[in-house]
PDB file of N, CA and C in Angstrom:
ATOM      1  N   MET A   1      15.481 -61.754-137.434  1.00  0.00           N
ATOM      2  CA  MET A   1      15.200 -62.947-136.648  1.00  0.00           C
ATOM      3  C   MET A   1      13.711 -62.960-136.318  1.00  0.00           C
ATOM      4  N   SER A   2      13.054 -64.063-136.617  1.00  0.00           N
ATOM      5  CA  SER A   2      11.620 -64.165-136.368  1.00  0.00           C
ATOM      6  C   SER A   2      11.345 -64.297-134.872  1.00  0.00           C
ATOM      7  N   LYS A   3      10.118 -63.989-134.486  1.00  0.00           N
ATOM      8  CA  LYS A   3       9.721 -64.123-133.083  1.00  0.00           C
ATOM      9  C   LYS A   3       9.894 -65.568-132.619  1.00  0.00           C
ATOM     10  N   GLN A   4       9.513 -66.510-133.492  1.00  0.00           N
ATOM     11  CA  GLN A   4       9.634 -67.939-133.172  1.00  0.00           C
ATOM     12  C   GLN A   4      11.102 -68.309-132.961  1.00  0.00           C
ATOM     13  N   GLU A   5      11.981 -67.846-133.855  1.00  0.00           N
ATOM     14  CA  GLU A   5      13.408 -68.172-133.742  1.00  0.00           C
ATOM     15  C   GLU A   5      13.982 -67.579-132.474  1.00  0.00           C
ATOM     16  N   ASN A   6      13.643 -66.326-132.172  1.00  0.00           N
ATOM     17  CA  ASN A   6      14.160 -65.664-130.988  1.00  0.00           C
ATOM     18  C   ASN A   6      13.719 -66.388-129.721  1.00  0.00           C
ATOM     19  N   LYS A   7      12.501 -66.888-129.715  1.00  0.00           N
ATOM     20  CA  LYS A   7      11.948 -67.579-128.554  1.00  0.00           C
ATOM     21  C   LYS A   7      12.753 -68.838-128.205  1.00  0.00           C
ATOM     22  N   TYR A   8      13.274 -69.524-129.218  1.00  0.00           N
ATOM     23  CA  TYR A   8      13.980 -70.776-128.993  1.00  0.00           C
ATOM     24  C   TYR A   8      15.475 -70.654-129.280  1.00  0.00           C
ATOM     25  N   ASN A   9      15.970 -69.439-129.475  1.00  0.00           N
ATOM     26  CA  ASN A   9      17.335 -69.234-129.930  1.00  0.00           C
ATOM     27  C   ASN A   9      18.380 -69.788-128.969  1.00  0.00           C
ATOM     28  N   GLU A  10      18.161 -69.623-127.680  1.00  0.00           N
ATOM     29  CA  GLU A  10      19.164 -70.025-126.689  1.00  0.00           C
ATOM     30  C   GLU A  10      19.576 -71.489-126.836  1.00  0.00           C
ATOM     31  N   ASN A  11      18.636 -72.359-127.022  1.00  0.00           N
ATOM     32  CA  ASN A  11      18.907 -73.787-127.156  1.00  0.00           C
ATOM     33  C   ASN A  11      18.412 -74.344-128.478  1.00  0.00           C
ATOM     34  N   SER A  12      18.249 -73.501-129.484  1.00  0.00           N
ATOM     35  CA  SER A  12      17.571 -73.927-130.708  1.00  0.00           C
ATOM     36  C   SER A  12      18.251 -75.104-131.390  1.00  0.00           C
ATOM     37  N   GLN A  13      19.569 -75.113-131.435  1.00  0.00           N
ATOM     38  CA  GLN A  13      20.256 -76.227-132.089  1.00  0.00           C
ATOM     39  C   GLN A  13      20.021 -77.531-131.325  1.00  0.00           C
ATOM     40  N   GLU A  14      20.079 -77.458-130.014  1.00  0.00           N
ATOM     41  CA  GLU A  14      19.844 -78.649-129.197  1.00  0.00           C
ATOM     42  C   GLU A  14      18.395 -79.103-129.290  1.00  0.00           C
ATOM     43  N   TYR A  15      17.464 -78.136-129.239  1.00  0.00           N
ATOM     44  CA  TYR A  15      16.059 -78.484-129.395  1.00  0.00           C
ATOM     45  C   TYR A  15      15.819 -79.164-130.737  1.00  0.00           C
ATOM     46  N   LEU A  16      16.405 -78.600-131.786  1.00  0.00           N
ATOM     47  CA  LEU A  16      16.219 -79.173-133.121  1.00  0.00           C
ATOM     48  C   LEU A  16      16.728 -80.605-133.172  1.00  0.00           C
ATOM     49  N   GLU A  17      17.902 -80.858-132.603  1.00  0.00           N
ATOM     50  CA  GLU A  17      18.446 -82.229-132.609  1.00  0.00           C
ATOM     51  C   GLU A  17      17.527 -83.192-131.869  1.00  0.00           C
ATOM     52  N   ILE A  18      17.017 -82.780-130.731  1.00  0.00           N
ATOM     53  CA  ILE A  18      16.121 -83.643-129.959  1.00  0.00           C
ATOM     54  C   ILE A  18      14.823 -83.882-130.731  1.00  0.00           C
ATOM     55  N   LEU A  19      14.229 -82.824-131.250  1.00  0.00           N
ATOM     56  CA  LEU A  19      12.976 -82.961-131.989  1.00  0.00           C
ATOM     57  C   LEU A  19      13.153 -83.845-133.222  1.00  0.00           C
ATOM     58  N   ARG A  20      14.281 -83.737-133.903  1.00  0.00           N
ATOM     59  CA  ARG A  20      14.542 -84.578-135.073  1.00  0.00           C
ATOM     60  C   ARG A  20      14.611 -86.046-134.675  1.00  0.00           C
ATOM     61  N   HIS A  21      15.290 -86.347-133.573  1.00  0.00           N
ATOM     62  CA  HIS A  21      15.402 -87.745-133.135  1.00  0.00           C
ATOM     63  C   HIS A  21      14.059 -88.294-132.655  1.00  0.00           C
ATOM     64  N   ILE A  22      13.294 -87.452-131.979  1.00  0.00           N
ATOM     65  CA  ILE A  22      11.980 -87.905-131.522  1.00  0.00           C
ATOM     66  C   ILE A  22      11.086 -88.184-132.724  1.00  0.00           C
ATOM     67  N   LYS A  23      11.158 -87.357-133.736  1.00  0.00           N
ATOM     68  CA  LYS A  23      10.342 -87.569-134.944  1.00  0.00           C
ATOM     69  C   LYS A  23      10.706 -88.894-135.606  1.00  0.00           C
ATOM     70  N   LYS A  24      12.001 -89.250-135.595  1.00  0.00           N
ATOM     71  CA  LYS A  24      12.452 -90.500-136.222  1.00  0.00           C
ATOM     72  C   LYS A  24      12.075 -91.722-135.395  1.00  0.00           C
ATOM     73  N   THR A  25      12.275 -91.633-134.081  1.00  0.00           N
ATOM     74  CA  THR A  25      12.074 -92.785-133.198  1.00  0.00           C
ATOM     75  C   THR A  25      11.358 -92.331-131.947  1.00  0.00           C
ATOM     76  N   GLU A  26      10.115 -92.718-131.805  1.00  0.00           N
ATOM     77  CA  GLU A  26       9.340 -92.286-130.641  1.00  0.00           C
ATOM     78  C   GLU A  26       9.727 -93.034-129.373  1.00  0.00           C
ATOM     79  N   GLU A  27      10.160 -94.293-129.503  1.00  0.00           N
ATOM     80  CA  GLU A  27      10.515 -95.098-128.334  1.00  0.00           C
ATOM     81  C   GLU A  27      12.010 -94.933-128.053  1.00  0.00           C
ATOM     82  N   LEU A  28      12.314 -94.183-126.988  1.00  0.00           N
ATOM     83  CA  LEU A  28      13.703 -93.862-126.671  1.00  0.00           C
ATOM     84  C   LEU A  28      13.949 -93.974-125.179  1.00  0.00           C
ATOM     85  N   SER A  29      15.195 -94.238-124.822  1.00  0.00           N
ATOM     86  CA  SER A  29      15.592 -94.037-123.438  1.00  0.00           C
ATOM     87  C   SER A  29      16.421 -92.757-123.424  1.00  0.00           C
ATOM     88  N   GLN A  30      16.307 -91.999-122.355  1.00  0.00           N
ATOM     89  CA  GLN A  30      17.069 -90.756-122.277  1.00  0.00           C
ATOM     90  C   GLN A  30      18.571 -91.044-122.315  1.00  0.00           C
ATOM     91  N   ARG A  31      18.978 -92.142-121.716  1.00  0.00           N
ATOM     92  CA  ARG A  31      20.404 -92.491-121.708  1.00  0.00           C
ATOM     93  C   ARG A  31      20.927 -92.703-123.128  1.00  0.00           C
ATOM     94  N   ASN A  32      20.181 -93.457-123.937  1.00  0.00           N
ATOM     95  CA  ASN A  32      20.608 -93.697-125.318  1.00  0.00           C
ATOM     96  C   ASN A  32      20.561 -92.418-126.150  1.00  0.00           C
ATOM     97  N   LEU A  33      19.524 -91.622-125.951  1.00  0.00           N
ATOM     98  CA  LEU A  33      19.411 -90.376-126.693  1.00  0.00           C
ATOM     99  C   LEU A  33      20.539 -89.416-126.311  1.00  0.00           C
ATOM    100  N   ALA A  34      20.848 -89.340-125.029  1.00  0.00           N
ATOM    101  CA  ALA A  34      21.950 -88.479-124.581  1.00  0.00           C
ATOM    102  C   ALA A  34      23.266 -88.920-125.217  1.00  0.00           C
ATOM    103  N   LYS A  35      23.496 -90.217-125.237  1.00  0.00           N
ATOM    104  CA  LYS A  35      24.724 -90.748-125.841  1.00  0.00           C
ATOM    105  C   LYS A  35      24.775 -90.431-127.336  1.00  0.00           C
ATOM    106  N   THR A  36      23.665 -90.630-128.024  1.00  0.00           N
ATOM    107  CA  THR A  36      23.592 -90.368-129.457  1.00  0.00           C
ATOM    108  C   THR A  36      23.878 -88.905-129.775  1.00  0.00           C
ATOM    109  N   LEU A  37      23.329 -88.007-128.972  1.00  0.00           N
ATOM    110  CA  LEU A  37      23.466 -86.572-129.226  1.00  0.00           C
ATOM    111  C   LEU A  37      24.733 -85.970-128.626  1.00  0.00           C
ATOM    112  N   GLY A  38      25.408 -86.737-127.771  1.00  0.00           N
ATOM    113  CA  GLY A  38      26.619 -86.218-127.124  1.00  0.00           C
ATOM    114  C   GLY A  38      26.324 -85.261-125.982  1.00  0.00           C
ATOM    115  N   PHE A  39      25.157 -85.406-125.362  1.00  0.00           N
ATOM    116  CA  PHE A  39      24.757 -84.582-124.220  1.00  0.00           C
ATOM    117  C   PHE A  39      24.943 -85.388-122.941  1.00  0.00           C
ATOM    118  N   SER A  40      25.119 -84.691-121.836  1.00  0.00           N
ATOM    119  CA  SER A  40      25.064 -85.384-120.556  1.00  0.00           C
ATOM    120  C   SER A  40      23.608 -85.749-120.304  1.00  0.00           C
ATOM    121  N   LEU A  41      23.394 -86.758-119.492  1.00  0.00           N
ATOM    122  CA  LEU A  41      22.041 -87.188-119.175  1.00  0.00           C
ATOM    123  C   LEU A  41      21.258 -86.058-118.494  1.00  0.00           C
ATOM    124  N   GLY A  42      21.921 -85.323-117.623  1.00  0.00           N
ATOM    125  CA  GLY A  42      21.271 -84.203-116.936  1.00  0.00           C
ATOM    126  C   GLY A  42      20.841 -83.102-117.896  1.00  0.00           C
ATOM    127  N   LYS A  43      21.715 -82.772-118.856  1.00  0.00           N
ATOM    128  CA  LYS A  43      21.390 -81.742-119.828  1.00  0.00           C
ATOM    129  C   LYS A  43      20.211 -82.176-120.689  1.00  0.00           C
ATOM    130  N   LEU A  44      20.231 -83.419-121.145  1.00  0.00           N
ATOM    131  CA  LEU A  44      19.138 -83.914-121.967  1.00  0.00           C
ATOM    132  C   LEU A  44      17.831 -83.886-121.191  1.00  0.00           C
ATOM    133  N   ASN A  45      17.853 -84.317-119.952  1.00  0.00           N
ATOM    134  CA  ASN A  45      16.649 -84.311-119.129  1.00  0.00           C
ATOM    135  C   ASN A  45      16.108 -82.894-118.991  1.00  0.00           C
ATOM    136  N   TYR A  46      16.988 -81.943-118.757  1.00  0.00           N
ATOM    137  CA  TYR A  46      16.593 -80.530-118.641  1.00  0.00           C
ATOM    138  C   TYR A  46      15.938 -80.048-119.935  1.00  0.00           C
ATOM    139  N   LEU A  47      16.557 -80.343-121.084  1.00  0.00           N
ATOM    140  CA  LEU A  47      16.034 -79.890-122.372  1.00  0.00           C
ATOM    141  C   LEU A  47      14.702 -80.564-122.707  1.00  0.00           C
ATOM    142  N   ILE A  48      14.585 -81.850-122.412  1.00  0.00           N
ATOM    143  CA  ILE A  48      13.326 -82.560-122.675  1.00  0.00           C
ATOM    144  C   ILE A  48      12.208 -82.002-121.806  1.00  0.00           C
ATOM    145  N   ARG A  49      12.497 -81.735-120.563  1.00  0.00           N
ATOM    146  CA  ARG A  49      11.472 -81.152-119.679  1.00  0.00           C
ATOM    147  C   ARG A  49      11.061 -79.771-120.191  1.00  0.00           C
ATOM    148  N   ALA A  50      12.018 -78.999-120.685  1.00  0.00           N
ATOM    149  CA  ALA A  50      11.701 -77.677-121.237  1.00  0.00           C
ATOM    150  C   ALA A  50      10.812 -77.816-122.470  1.00  0.00           C
ATOM    151  N   LEU A  51      11.123 -78.777-123.335  1.00  0.00           N
ATOM    152  CA  LEU A  51      10.296 -79.005-124.525  1.00  0.00           C
ATOM    153  C   LEU A  51       8.887 -79.428-124.131  1.00  0.00           C
ATOM    154  N   GLN A  52       8.799 -80.238-123.087  1.00  0.00           N
ATOM    155  CA  GLN A  52       7.484 -80.677-122.604  1.00  0.00           C
ATOM    156  C   GLN A  52       6.697 -79.489-122.038  1.00  0.00           C
ATOM    157  N   LYS A  53       7.347 -78.645-121.252  1.00  0.00           N
ATOM    158  CA  LYS A  53       6.674 -77.482-120.666  1.00  0.00           C
ATOM    159  C   LYS A  53       6.202 -76.503-121.741  1.00  0.00           C
ATOM    160  N   LYS A  54       6.962 -76.414-122.830  1.00  0.00           N
ATOM    161  CA  LYS A  54       6.590 -75.523-123.928  1.00  0.00           C
ATOM    162  C   LYS A  54       5.484 -76.124-124.798  1.00  0.00           C
ATOM    163  N   GLY A  55       5.112 -77.372-124.507  1.00  0.00           N
ATOM    164  CA  GLY A  55       4.045 -78.022-125.252  1.00  0.00           C
ATOM    165  C   GLY A  55       4.484 -78.570-126.598  1.00  0.00           C
ATOM    166  N   LEU A  56       5.787 -78.816-126.756  1.00  0.00           N
ATOM    167  CA  LEU A  56       6.304 -79.294-128.033  1.00  0.00           C
ATOM    168  C   LEU A  56       6.348 -80.809-128.118  1.00  0.00           C
ATOM    169  N   ILE A  57       6.434 -81.471-126.961  1.00  0.00           N
ATOM    170  CA  ILE A  57       6.440 -82.934-126.940  1.00  0.00           C
ATOM    171  C   ILE A  57       5.538 -83.434-125.823  1.00  0.00           C
ATOM    172  N   LYS A  58       5.080 -84.669-125.993  1.00  0.00           N
ATOM    173  CA  LYS A  58       4.357 -85.388-124.944  1.00  0.00           C
ATOM    174  C   LYS A  58       5.205 -86.596-124.587  1.00  0.00           C
ATOM    175  N   ILE A  59       5.174 -86.965-123.320  1.00  0.00           N
ATOM    176  CA  ILE A  59       5.977 -88.086-122.836  1.00  0.00           C
ATOM    177  C   ILE A  59       5.056 -89.073-122.137  1.00  0.00           C
ATOM    178  N   GLU A  60       5.202 -90.345-122.501  1.00  0.00           N
ATOM    179  CA  GLU A  60       4.464 -91.424-121.834  1.00  0.00           C
ATOM    180  C   GLU A  60       5.419 -92.569-121.575  1.00  0.00           C
ATOM    181  N   ASN A  61       5.274 -93.226-120.429  1.00  0.00           N
ATOM    182  CA  ASN A  61       6.089 -94.420-120.218  1.00  0.00           C
ATOM    183  C   ASN A  61       5.262 -95.647-120.591  1.00  0.00           C
ATOM    184  N   PHE A  62       5.968 -96.741-120.793  1.00  0.00           N
ATOM    185  CA  PHE A  62       5.292 -97.982-121.141  1.00  0.00           C
ATOM    186  C   PHE A  62       4.690 -98.569-119.878  1.00  0.00           C
ATOM    187  N   LYS A  63       3.409 -98.705-119.849  1.00  0.00           N
ATOM    188  CA  LYS A  63       2.746 -99.243-118.661  1.00  0.00           C
ATOM    189  C   LYS A  63       3.091-100.721-118.446  1.00  0.00           C
ATOM    190  N   LYS A  64       3.162-101.484-119.530  1.00  0.00           N
ATOM    191  CA  LYS A  64       3.379-102.925-119.411  1.00  0.00           C
ATOM    192  C   LYS A  64       4.846-103.328-119.553  1.00  0.00           C
ATOM    193  N   ASN A  65       5.719-102.379-119.913  1.00  0.00           N
ATOM    194  CA  ASN A  65       7.128-102.692-120.138  1.00  0.00           C
ATOM    195  C   ASN A  65       7.867-102.747-118.796  1.00  0.00           C
ATOM    196  N   PRO A  66       8.581-103.837-118.508  1.00  0.00           N
ATOM    197  CA  PRO A  66       9.331-103.904-117.256  1.00  0.00           C
ATOM    198  C   PRO A  66      10.502-102.918-117.230  1.00  0.00           C
ATOM    199  N   ASN A  67      10.964-102.479-118.403  1.00  0.00           N
ATOM    200  CA  ASN A  67      12.049-101.508-118.473  1.00  0.00           C
ATOM    201  C   ASN A  67      11.440-100.110-118.410  1.00  0.00           C
ATOM    202  N   LYS A  68      11.327 -99.578-117.213  1.00  0.00           N
ATOM    203  CA  LYS A  68      10.655 -98.291-117.009  1.00  0.00           C
ATOM    204  C   LYS A  68      11.501 -97.093-117.447  1.00  0.00           C
ATOM    205  N   SER A  69      12.725 -97.342-117.947  1.00  0.00           N
ATOM    206  CA  SER A  69      13.548 -96.229-118.412  1.00  0.00           C
ATOM    207  C   SER A  69      13.232 -95.851-119.853  1.00  0.00           C
ATOM    208  N   LYS A  70      12.394 -96.628-120.502  1.00  0.00           N
ATOM    209  CA  LYS A  70      12.015 -96.305-121.881  1.00  0.00           C
ATOM    210  C   LYS A  70      10.683 -95.579-121.882  1.00  0.00           C
ATOM    211  N   TYR A  71      10.637 -94.551-122.690  1.00  0.00           N
ATOM    212  CA  TYR A  71       9.446 -93.731-122.794  1.00  0.00           C
ATOM    213  C   TYR A  71       9.056 -93.567-124.247  1.00  0.00           C
ATOM    214  N   LEU A  72       7.807 -93.199-124.453  1.00  0.00           N
ATOM    215  CA  LEU A  72       7.340 -92.794-125.770  1.00  0.00           C
ATOM    216  C   LEU A  72       7.331 -91.274-125.787  1.00  0.00           C
ATOM    217  N   TYR A  73       7.978 -90.709-126.779  1.00  0.00           N
ATOM    218  CA  TYR A  73       8.015 -89.265-126.960  1.00  0.00           C
ATOM    219  C   TYR A  73       7.270 -88.951-128.247  1.00  0.00           C
ATOM    220  N   TYR A  74       6.344 -88.027-128.164  1.00  0.00           N
ATOM    221  CA  TYR A  74       5.567 -87.627-129.327  1.00  0.00           C
ATOM    222  C   TYR A  74       5.756 -86.141-129.579  1.00  0.00           C
ATOM    223  N   LEU A  75       5.921 -85.780-130.841  1.00  0.00           N
ATOM    224  CA  LEU A  75       5.881 -84.369-131.197  1.00  0.00           C
ATOM    225  C   LEU A  75       4.419 -83.948-131.230  1.00  0.00           C
ATOM    226  N   THR A  76       4.115 -82.849-130.599  1.00  0.00           N
ATOM    227  CA  THR A  76       2.773 -82.290-130.684  1.00  0.00           C
ATOM    228  C   THR A  76       2.675 -81.518-132.002  1.00  0.00           C
ATOM    229  N   PRO A  77       1.483 -81.136-132.415  1.00  0.00           N
ATOM    230  CA  PRO A  77       1.393 -80.292-133.618  1.00  0.00           C
ATOM    231  C   PRO A  77       2.242 -79.024-133.485  1.00  0.00           C
ATOM    232  N   LYS A  78       2.237 -78.425-132.303  1.00  0.00           N
ATOM    233  CA  LYS A  78       3.074 -77.245-132.063  1.00  0.00           C
ATOM    234  C   LYS A  78       4.552 -77.618-132.184  1.00  0.00           C
ATOM    235  N   GLY A  79       4.918 -78.794-131.675  1.00  0.00           N
ATOM    236  CA  GLY A  79       6.301 -79.253-131.769  1.00  0.00           C
ATOM    237  C   GLY A  79       6.743 -79.456-133.205  1.00  0.00           C
ATOM    238  N   LEU A  80       5.857 -79.982-134.023  1.00  0.00           N
ATOM    239  CA  LEU A  80       6.160 -80.179-135.439  1.00  0.00           C
ATOM    240  C   LEU A  80       6.361 -78.831-136.136  1.00  0.00           C
ATOM    241  N   THR A  81       5.521 -77.859-135.802  1.00  0.00           N
ATOM    242  CA  THR A  81       5.660 -76.517-136.369  1.00  0.00           C
ATOM    243  C   THR A  81       6.989 -75.885-135.962  1.00  0.00           C
ATOM    244  N   VAL A  82       7.322 -75.988-134.688  1.00  0.00           N
ATOM    245  CA  VAL A  82       8.579 -75.410-134.205  1.00  0.00           C
ATOM    246  C   VAL A  82       9.770 -76.127-134.833  1.00  0.00           C
ATOM    247  N   LYS A  83       9.693 -77.450-134.952  1.00  0.00           N
ATOM    248  CA  LYS A  83      10.773 -78.212-135.597  1.00  0.00           C
ATOM    249  C   LYS A  83      10.995 -77.716-137.011  1.00  0.00           C
ATOM    250  N   THR A  84       9.931 -77.503-137.743  1.00  0.00           N
ATOM    251  CA  THR A  84      10.032 -77.005-139.114  1.00  0.00           C
ATOM    252  C   THR A  84      10.663 -75.615-139.134  1.00  0.00           C
ATOM    253  N   THR A  85      10.215 -74.743-138.243  1.00  0.00           N
ATOM    254  CA  THR A  85      10.769 -73.387-138.169  1.00  0.00           C
ATOM    255  C   THR A  85      12.249 -73.423-137.817  1.00  0.00           C
ATOM    256  N   LEU A  86      12.613 -74.228-136.830  1.00  0.00           N
ATOM    257  CA  LEU A  86      14.021 -74.329-136.434  1.00  0.00           C
ATOM    258  C   LEU A  86      14.872 -74.892-137.562  1.00  0.00           C
ATOM    259  N   THR A  87      14.329 -75.848-138.307  1.00  0.00           N
ATOM    260  CA  THR A  87      15.058 -76.431-139.441  1.00  0.00           C
ATOM    261  C   THR A  87      15.291 -75.373-140.516  1.00  0.00           C
ATOM    262  N   LEU A  88      14.263 -74.617-140.833  1.00  0.00           N
ATOM    263  CA  LEU A  88      14.413 -73.559-141.838  1.00  0.00           C
ATOM    264  C   LEU A  88      15.415 -72.499-141.385  1.00  0.00           C
ATOM    265  N   ASN A  89      15.348 -72.104-140.119  1.00  0.00           N
ATOM    266  CA  ASN A  89      16.299 -71.122-139.591  1.00  0.00           C
ATOM    267  C   ASN A  89      17.722 -71.667-139.636  1.00  0.00           C
ATOM    268  N   PHE A  90      17.888 -72.935-139.318  1.00  0.00           N
ATOM    269  CA  PHE A  90      19.201 -73.578-139.377  1.00  0.00           C
ATOM    270  C   PHE A  90      19.736 -73.550-140.809  1.00  0.00           C
ATOM    271  N   MET A  91      18.875 -73.906-141.756  1.00  0.00           N
ATOM    272  CA  MET A  91      19.282 -73.907-143.164  1.00  0.00           C
ATOM    273  C   MET A  91      19.672 -72.504-143.624  1.00  0.00           C
ATOM    274  N   GLU A  92      18.918 -71.499-143.220  1.00  0.00           N
ATOM    275  CA  GLU A  92      19.243 -70.113-143.586  1.00  0.00           C
ATOM    276  C   GLU A  92      20.605 -69.699-143.029  1.00  0.00           C
ATOM    277  N   ARG A  93      20.876 -70.066-141.770  1.00  0.00           N
ATOM    278  CA  ARG A  93      22.175 -69.733-141.169  1.00  0.00           C
ATOM    279  C   ARG A  93      23.309 -70.419-141.908  1.00  0.00           C
ATOM    280  N   LYS A  94      23.117 -71.692-142.240  1.00  0.00           N
ATOM    281  CA  LYS A  94      24.174 -72.445-142.933  1.00  0.00           C
ATOM    282  C   LYS A  94      24.412 -71.900-144.340  1.00  0.00           C
ATOM    283  N   LEU A  95      23.342 -71.519-145.042  1.00  0.00           N
ATOM    284  CA  LEU A  95      23.506 -70.937-146.376  1.00  0.00           C
ATOM    285  C   LEU A  95      24.229 -69.591-146.299  1.00  0.00           C
ATOM    286  N   ALA A  96      23.921 -68.796-145.282  1.00  0.00           N
ATOM    287  CA  ALA A  96      24.617 -67.520-145.097  1.00  0.00           C
ATOM    288  C   ALA A  96      26.100 -67.756-144.804  1.00  0.00           C
ATOM    289  N   GLU A  97      26.400 -68.762-143.971  1.00  0.00           N
ATOM    290  CA  GLU A  97      27.797 -69.109-143.690  1.00  0.00           C
ATOM    291  C   GLU A  97      28.508 -69.552-144.967  1.00  0.00           C
ATOM    292  N   TYR A  98      27.831 -70.344-145.767  1.00  0.00           N
ATOM    293  CA  TYR A  98      28.397 -70.809-147.031  1.00  0.00           C
ATOM    294  C   TYR A  98      28.699 -69.623-147.944  1.00  0.00           C
ATOM    295  N   ASP A  99      27.746 -68.696-148.063  1.00  0.00           N
ATOM    296  CA  ASP A  99      27.957 -67.516-148.903  1.00  0.00           C
ATOM    297  C   ASP A  99      29.144 -66.688-148.410  1.00  0.00           C
ATOM    298  N   ASP A 100      29.261 -66.518-147.098  1.00  0.00           N
ATOM    299  CA  ASP A 100      30.392 -65.769-146.531  1.00  0.00           C
ATOM    300  C   ASP A 100      31.722 -66.460-146.839  1.00  0.00           C
ATOM    301  N   LEU A 101      31.758 -67.776-146.670  1.00  0.00           N
ATOM    302  CA  LEU A 101      32.985 -68.520-146.966  1.00  0.00           C
ATOM    303  C   LEU A 101      33.343 -68.432-148.453  1.00  0.00           C
ATOM    304  N   LYS A 102      32.329 -68.516-149.287  1.00  0.00           N
ATOM    305  CA  LYS A 102      32.549 -68.430-150.732  1.00  0.00           C
ATOM    306  C   LYS A 102      33.136 -67.068-151.101  1.00  0.00           C
ATOM    307  N   LYS A 103      32.598 -65.993-150.519  1.00  0.00           N
ATOM    308  CA  LYS A 103      33.127 -64.643-150.758  1.00  0.00           C
ATOM    309  C   LYS A 103      34.567 -64.535-150.278  1.00  0.00           C
ATOM    310  N   ASP A 104      34.863 -65.104-149.108  1.00  0.00           N
ATOM    311  CA  ASP A 104      36.228 -65.078-148.581  1.00  0.00           C
ATOM    312  C   ASP A 104      37.186 -65.785-149.535  1.00  0.00           C
ATOM    313  N   LEU A 105      36.782 -66.946-150.044  1.00  0.00           N
ATOM    314  CA  LEU A 105      37.630 -67.695-150.970  1.00  0.00           C
ATOM    315  C   LEU A 105      37.828 -66.939-152.282  1.00  0.00           C
ATOM    316  N   GLU A 106      36.774 -66.330-152.780  1.00  0.00           N
ATOM    317  CA  GLU A 106      36.884 -65.552-154.017  1.00  0.00           C
ATOM    318  C   GLU A 106      37.799 -64.357-153.813  1.00  0.00           C
ATOM    319  N   GLY A 107      37.745 -63.740-152.619  1.00  0.00           N
ATOM    320  CA  GLY A 107      38.628 -62.613-152.300  1.00  0.00           C
ATOM    321  C   GLY A 107      40.088 -63.031-152.241  1.00  0.00           C
ATOM    322  N   GLU A 108      40.342 -64.240-151.707  1.00  0.00           N
ATOM    323  CA  GLU A 108      41.706 -64.751-151.623  1.00  0.00           C
ATOM    324  C   GLU A 108      42.251 -65.076-153.007  1.00  0.00           C
ATOM    325  N   LYS A 109      41.412 -65.571-153.907  1.00  0.00           N
ATOM    326  CA  LYS A 109      41.854 -65.906-155.259  1.00  0.00           C
ATOM    327  C   LYS A 109      42.238 -64.655-156.048  1.00  0.00           C
ATOM    328  N   SER A 110      41.536 -63.545-155.815  1.00  0.00           N
ATOM    329  CA  SER A 110      41.813 -62.333-156.573  1.00  0.00           C
ATOM    330  C   SER A 110      43.047 -61.600-156.080  1.00  0.00           C
ATOM    331  N   GLU A 111      43.543 -61.942-154.924  1.00  0.00           N
ATOM    332  CA  GLU A 111      44.731 -61.261-154.369  1.00  0.00           C
ATOM    333  C   GLU A 111      46.002 -61.767-154.962  1.00  0.00           C
TER     334      GLU A 111
END
């Protein structure tokens, strides 16, 4: 496990999902994002604040928008790097799971 992966391991899957959505759509409301990801609003707020404190995202509200619940979320360069690392780690875990399942199936066929 890399130092980067270990640092974000506790919430890495959730962080990855949030970072992926922010990369796709910068203009989000936390309520809509929470609904999309299946998180409670409180959990999403906690995770977003953690990402902001870690320097992975920047948050700005619309100064001229009357709907103050919408914000602009930006991935920082560090956030983009971490997103890439988390994505690669996720892919490695899934490939390892696939290999394990494949071995299990091959073992069942030979019995």
